[in-house]
Structures are given as structure tokens and as C-alpha cells.
């Protein structure tokens, strides 16, 4: 079967994998689901990535 990436959904490490510079969301994190869930999670993940990049600079 297909494995999913392990990443937290909430908190300061939201959507981060075991590599702090790699984020996962949507079908890659939770498995196949409705597209509306993947879109919503993708938006939240984008916010987490944006916060991460702002902290890096």
C-alpha cells in the first residue's frame, strides 16, 4: 500500500515532517480524501511554510 508522510496537524510544528525543512499536507499526509479537505489543509500548510520562512530570515 501507499505510505503517507508523518507530520503534525497543529502546533508550532504543524505540517513539518521529521526534516524541519520539509512540510506535508493533503493526500500526502492524511491519505486519499475529499478535495475540499486537501485544499483547506494546503492553505494551512502554506501559512505554516510562510511563518517558517519568515523565522529563517
N, C-alpha and C. Protein backbone atom coordinates (compact mmCIF):
# COMPACT_ATOMS: atom_id res chain seq x y z
N UNK A 1 0.82 -1.19 0.00
CA UNK A 1 0.00 0.00 0.00
C UNK A 1 0.86 1.25 0.00
N UNK A 2 0.21 2.31 -0.22
CA UNK A 2 0.89 3.61 -0.25
C UNK A 2 1.06 4.14 1.16
N UNK A 3 2.26 4.57 1.49
CA UNK A 3 2.51 5.16 2.80
C UNK A 3 2.34 6.66 2.76
N UNK A 4 1.99 7.22 3.88
CA UNK A 4 1.82 8.67 3.99
C UNK A 4 2.97 9.27 4.78
N UNK A 5 3.21 10.54 4.56
CA UNK A 5 4.23 11.27 5.31
C UNK A 5 3.69 11.60 6.69
N UNK A 6 4.52 11.43 7.70
CA UNK A 6 4.10 11.75 9.06
C UNK A 6 4.40 13.22 9.34
N UNK A 7 3.36 13.96 9.70
CA UNK A 7 3.51 15.38 10.02
C UNK A 7 2.39 15.79 10.96
N UNK A 8 2.71 16.61 11.94
CA UNK A 8 1.71 17.11 12.88
C UNK A 8 0.70 17.98 12.15
N UNK A 9 -0.52 18.06 12.69
CA UNK A 9 -1.56 18.89 12.08
C UNK A 9 -1.68 20.25 12.76
N UNK A 10 -1.30 20.32 14.03
CA UNK A 10 -1.43 21.57 14.78
C UNK A 10 -0.16 21.85 15.57
N UNK A 11 -0.09 23.04 16.13
CA UNK A 11 1.04 23.40 16.97
C UNK A 11 2.15 24.07 16.19
N UNK A 12 3.26 24.30 16.88
CA UNK A 12 4.36 25.04 16.25
C UNK A 12 5.06 24.23 15.16
N UNK A 13 4.89 22.92 15.17
CA UNK A 13 5.48 22.07 14.13
C UNK A 13 4.44 21.58 13.12
N UNK A 14 3.36 22.32 12.98
CA UNK A 14 2.28 21.91 12.07
C UNK A 14 2.81 21.68 10.67
N UNK A 15 2.48 20.52 10.12
CA UNK A 15 2.79 20.11 8.75
C UNK A 15 4.27 19.81 8.51
N UNK A 16 5.12 19.92 9.52
CA UNK A 16 6.54 19.59 9.35
C UNK A 16 6.74 18.09 9.49
N UNK A 17 7.61 17.56 8.65
CA UNK A 17 7.98 16.16 8.76
C UNK A 17 9.16 16.06 9.73
N UNK A 18 9.80 14.90 9.78
CA UNK A 18 10.96 14.74 10.66
C UNK A 18 12.12 15.62 10.21
N UNK A 19 12.11 16.04 8.94
CA UNK A 19 13.07 17.04 8.45
C UNK A 19 12.39 18.39 8.59
N UNK A 20 12.87 19.27 9.45
CA UNK A 20 12.17 20.53 9.73
C UNK A 20 12.00 21.45 8.52
N UNK A 21 12.70 21.16 7.43
CA UNK A 21 12.55 21.99 6.23
C UNK A 21 11.64 21.35 5.18
N UNK A 22 11.00 20.23 5.55
CA UNK A 22 10.08 19.54 4.64
C UNK A 22 8.69 19.52 5.27
N UNK A 23 7.71 20.00 4.54
CA UNK A 23 6.33 20.06 5.01
C UNK A 23 5.48 19.11 4.19
N UNK A 24 4.40 18.59 4.79
CA UNK A 24 3.50 17.68 4.09
C UNK A 24 2.06 18.06 4.40
N UNK A 25 1.20 17.94 3.39
CA UNK A 25 -0.22 18.26 3.57
C UNK A 25 -1.05 17.48 2.56
N UNK A 26 -2.35 17.51 2.75
CA UNK A 26 -3.28 16.89 1.81
C UNK A 26 -3.14 15.38 1.76
N UNK A 27 -3.30 14.82 0.56
CA UNK A 27 -3.26 13.38 0.40
C UNK A 27 -1.94 12.77 0.84
N UNK A 28 -0.85 13.53 0.72
CA UNK A 28 0.45 13.02 1.15
C UNK A 28 0.55 12.81 2.64
N UNK A 29 -0.22 13.57 3.41
CA UNK A 29 -0.17 13.46 4.87
C UNK A 29 -1.30 12.59 5.40
N UNK A 30 -2.50 12.77 4.92
CA UNK A 30 -3.64 12.08 5.53
C UNK A 30 -4.21 10.96 4.69
N UNK A 31 -3.73 10.78 3.48
CA UNK A 31 -4.27 9.75 2.60
C UNK A 31 -5.40 10.32 1.74
N UNK A 32 -5.93 9.50 0.87
CA UNK A 32 -6.97 9.97 -0.03
C UNK A 32 -8.18 10.46 0.74
N UNK A 33 -8.70 11.59 0.32
CA UNK A 33 -9.86 12.18 0.96
C UNK A 33 -10.52 13.11 -0.04
N UNK A 34 -11.52 13.83 0.41
CA UNK A 34 -12.20 14.79 -0.45
C UNK A 34 -11.27 15.94 -0.80
N UNK A 35 -11.40 16.45 -2.01
CA UNK A 35 -10.53 17.52 -2.47
C UNK A 35 -10.67 18.77 -1.61
N UNK A 36 -11.84 19.02 -1.05
CA UNK A 36 -12.01 20.22 -0.22
C UNK A 36 -11.14 20.15 1.03
N UNK A 37 -10.94 18.94 1.57
CA UNK A 37 -10.06 18.80 2.74
C UNK A 37 -8.60 19.04 2.34
N UNK A 38 -8.21 18.53 1.18
CA UNK A 38 -6.84 18.73 0.71
C UNK A 38 -6.56 20.21 0.45
N UNK A 39 -7.53 20.92 -0.12
CA UNK A 39 -7.36 22.36 -0.38
C UNK A 39 -7.23 23.12 0.93
N UNK A 40 -8.11 22.84 1.88
CA UNK A 40 -8.06 23.53 3.17
C UNK A 40 -6.74 23.26 3.88
N UNK A 41 -6.31 22.00 3.85
CA UNK A 41 -5.05 21.66 4.52
C UNK A 41 -3.87 22.30 3.79
N UNK A 42 -3.93 22.37 2.48
CA UNK A 42 -2.88 23.02 1.70
C UNK A 42 -2.74 24.49 2.05
N UNK A 43 -3.87 25.15 2.27
CA UNK A 43 -3.83 26.56 2.67
C UNK A 43 -3.20 26.73 4.05
N UNK A 44 -3.58 25.85 4.98
CA UNK A 44 -2.99 25.93 6.33
C UNK A 44 -1.50 25.61 6.28
N UNK A 45 -1.12 24.67 5.44
CA UNK A 45 0.29 24.32 5.30
C UNK A 45 1.07 25.49 4.71
N UNK A 46 0.49 26.18 3.73
CA UNK A 46 1.15 27.34 3.13
C UNK A 46 1.41 28.41 4.18
N UNK A 47 0.46 28.60 5.10
CA UNK A 47 0.66 29.56 6.19
C UNK A 47 1.81 29.12 7.08
N UNK A 48 1.89 27.82 7.37
CA UNK A 48 2.98 27.30 8.21
C UNK A 48 4.33 27.48 7.52
N UNK A 49 4.38 27.24 6.22
CA UNK A 49 5.62 27.43 5.46
C UNK A 49 6.01 28.90 5.47
N UNK A 50 5.05 29.78 5.26
CA UNK A 50 5.31 31.22 5.27
C UNK A 50 5.89 31.65 6.62
N UNK A 51 5.30 31.18 7.71
CA UNK A 51 5.81 31.51 9.05
C UNK A 51 7.24 30.99 9.22
N UNK A 52 7.48 29.77 8.77
CA UNK A 52 8.82 29.18 8.86
C UNK A 52 9.84 30.02 8.10
N UNK A 53 9.50 30.42 6.89
CA UNK A 53 10.43 31.21 6.08
C UNK A 53 10.69 32.58 6.69
N UNK A 54 9.69 33.17 7.29
CA UNK A 54 9.88 34.47 7.95
C UNK A 54 10.81 34.34 9.15
N UNK A 55 10.72 33.23 9.88
CA UNK A 55 11.60 32.99 11.02
C UNK A 55 13.04 32.76 10.57
N UNK A 56 13.23 32.14 9.40
CA UNK A 56 14.56 31.85 8.87
C UNK A 56 15.33 33.12 8.53
N UNK A 57 14.62 34.17 8.15
CA UNK A 57 15.28 35.42 7.71
C UNK A 57 15.40 36.34 8.84
